[in-house]
Amino acid sequence: MKVRPHLITRSLIPENQEAPIHFLGHALFEDQYFFRRNHFPYPSSVQLSIIIGGLMQSPFSLSLDQLQRMPSTTLIAPLECAGNQRAKFTPPAFGEQWESGAISQGKWTEVPLISENPQEGKGSDIYWGRCRNTE
């Protein structure tokens, strides 16, 4: 009998599922095995914008379509939930009881937003982005 890996469900709403890390020996996790960590249900719409702000004179907003058309870079990096292995804490800690699978490694694409607001000039730091549903 062949054993097939699958995500380990911790909760369905919001969706929280661990990667089957003991079955995965690849440098990159396939999407179907990438852990899922959500604090809220998925939005009902994909018409989103992001507000970019921080140490800058004037925050600005970009739509998902605008972000996807901008120059980007890609890197390979791990992503780990801060609560990974929380189930092993003594005494027990509040929160999702993750075992060892709240970690995955993937290929990430980023947009260097610092260069997209010419009013700020070089060397400006952008500290936060906030998504908002525009529908």
Protein backbone atom coordinates (compact mmCIF):
# COMPACT_ATOMS: atom_id res chain seq x y z
CA MET A 1 0.00 0.00 0.00
CA LYS A 2 1.40 3.40 -1.03
CA VAL A 3 1.13 6.16 1.56
CA ARG A 4 0.14 9.53 0.11
CA PRO A 5 0.95 12.72 2.01
CA HIS A 6 -1.84 15.12 2.86
CA LEU A 7 -2.24 18.30 4.88
CA ILE A 8 -3.07 17.85 8.57
CA THR A 9 -6.16 19.90 9.39
CA ARG A 10 -6.06 21.90 12.63
CA SER A 11 -9.21 23.94 11.86
CA LEU A 12 -11.49 24.51 8.86
CA ILE A 13 -12.87 28.01 9.56
CA PRO A 14 -10.52 29.74 9.46
CA GLU A 15 -8.45 27.23 7.48
CA ASN A 16 -5.31 26.08 9.31
CA GLN A 17 -3.48 23.05 7.97
CA GLU A 18 0.01 21.68 8.56
CA ALA A 19 2.39 20.53 5.86
CA PRO A 20 3.22 16.80 5.92
CA ILE A 21 6.91 17.61 6.42
CA HIS A 22 7.95 14.03 7.20
CA PHE A 23 6.93 13.02 3.65
CA LEU A 24 8.52 15.96 1.86
CA GLY A 25 12.19 15.87 0.96
CA HIS A 26 12.21 18.58 -1.69
CA ALA A 27 13.80 22.01 -1.47
CA LEU A 28 10.47 23.56 -2.55
CA PHE A 29 7.06 22.51 -1.27
CA GLU A 30 4.39 21.99 -3.90
CA ASP A 31 1.38 24.30 -3.45
CA GLN A 32 -0.84 21.40 -2.42
CA TYR A 33 1.47 20.64 0.55
CA PHE A 34 2.23 24.23 1.64
CA PHE A 35 0.94 24.89 5.18
CA ARG A 36 -2.06 27.20 5.53
CA ARG A 37 -2.38 29.68 8.40
CA ASN A 38 -5.38 31.99 8.60
CA HIS A 39 -6.75 34.13 11.39
CA PHE A 40 -9.95 34.92 9.48
CA PRO A 41 -12.09 33.32 6.74
CA TYR A 42 -11.06 33.97 3.14
CA PRO A 43 -12.48 37.17 1.62
CA SER A 44 -15.43 36.71 -0.71
CA SER A 45 -13.90 38.99 -3.35
CA VAL A 46 -10.50 39.25 -4.99
CA GLN A 47 -10.78 42.97 -5.83
CA LEU A 48 -8.19 44.09 -3.31
CA SER A 49 -5.94 47.08 -2.94
CA ILE A 50 -3.00 47.60 -0.62
CA ILE A 51 -2.18 50.83 1.20
CA ILE A 52 1.57 51.39 1.55
CA GLY A 53 2.80 53.52 4.45
CA GLY A 54 5.39 53.84 7.18
CA LEU A 55 8.19 56.38 7.40
CA MET A 56 7.02 58.30 4.38
CA GLN A 57 5.38 61.65 3.74
CA SER A 58 2.27 60.32 2.01
CA PRO A 59 0.97 56.74 1.98
CA PHE A 60 -0.31 55.49 -1.35
CA SER A 61 -2.59 52.73 -2.62
CA LEU A 62 -2.09 50.08 -5.31
CA SER A 63 -4.57 47.60 -6.77
CA LEU A 64 -3.71 43.92 -7.22
CA ASP A 65 -3.66 44.50 -10.98
CA GLN A 66 -1.17 47.38 -10.59
CA LEU A 67 1.07 45.24 -8.37
CA GLN A 68 1.07 42.38 -10.87
CA ARG A 69 2.20 44.70 -13.70
CA MET A 70 5.15 46.11 -11.73
CA PRO A 71 8.77 44.88 -11.95
CA SER A 72 9.41 42.10 -9.45
CA THR A 73 12.08 39.81 -8.08
CA THR A 74 11.77 36.18 -7.03
CA LEU A 75 13.52 34.36 -4.19
CA ILE A 76 13.35 30.99 -2.47
CA ALA A 77 12.75 31.27 1.27
CA PRO A 78 11.10 29.38 4.14
CA LEU A 79 7.97 30.59 5.89
CA GLU A 80 7.30 29.45 9.46
CA CYS A 81 4.37 30.28 11.70
CA ALA A 82 5.52 31.70 15.04
CA GLY A 83 3.35 29.06 16.71
CA ASN A 84 5.06 26.11 15.02
CA GLN A 85 5.43 23.25 17.57
CA ARG A 86 3.11 25.01 20.04
CA ALA A 87 1.49 21.65 20.85
CA LYS A 88 4.75 20.61 22.54
CA PHE A 89 4.78 23.49 25.06
CA THR A 90 4.59 22.75 28.77
CA PRO A 91 2.45 24.18 30.20
CA PRO A 92 0.13 24.23 27.17
CA ALA A 93 0.03 27.55 25.32
CA PHE A 94 -3.09 29.27 23.98
CA GLY A 95 -3.60 29.13 20.22
CA GLU A 96 -3.65 26.69 17.35
CA GLN A 97 -1.95 23.49 18.50
CA TRP A 98 0.59 23.12 15.71
CA GLU A 99 2.91 20.12 15.69
CA SER A 100 5.95 20.47 13.36
CA GLY A 101 4.27 21.29 10.05
CA ALA A 102 3.59 25.04 10.28
CA ILE A 103 6.62 25.59 8.06
CA SER A 104 7.17 25.37 4.31
CA GLN A 105 9.64 26.59 1.73
CA GLY A 106 8.51 28.22 -1.46
CA LYS A 107 9.30 30.56 -4.29
CA TRP A 108 8.17 34.11 -3.46
CA THR A 109 7.70 37.03 -5.82
CA GLU A 110 8.05 40.53 -4.42
CA VAL A 111 7.60 44.03 -5.78
CA PRO A 112 10.12 46.62 -4.53
CA LEU A 113 7.53 49.23 -3.56
CA ILE A 114 10.10 51.69 -2.28
CA SER A 115 10.92 52.74 -5.86
CA GLU A 116 7.28 53.24 -6.85
CA ASN A 117 6.68 56.50 -4.97
CA PRO A 118 9.01 59.13 -6.46
CA GLN A 119 7.94 61.74 -3.86
CA GLU A 120 9.84 59.90 -1.15
CA GLY A 121 13.24 59.70 -2.82
CA LYS A 122 15.94 57.09 -2.27
CA GLY A 123 16.51 55.60 1.17
CA SER A 124 12.90 55.82 2.36
CA ASP A 125 11.71 52.99 4.57
CA ILE A 126 8.27 51.45 4.10
CA TYR A 127 7.18 49.62 7.22
CA TRP A 128 3.65 48.43 6.61
CA GLY A 129 1.08 47.53 4.04
CA ARG A 130 -2.62 47.02 4.69
CA CYS A 131 -4.97 45.17 2.33
CA ARG A 132 -8.49 46.38 1.88
CA ASN A 133 -11.39 44.90 -0.02
CA THR A 134 -12.59 47.50 -2.52
CA GLU A 135 -15.87 45.81 -3.38
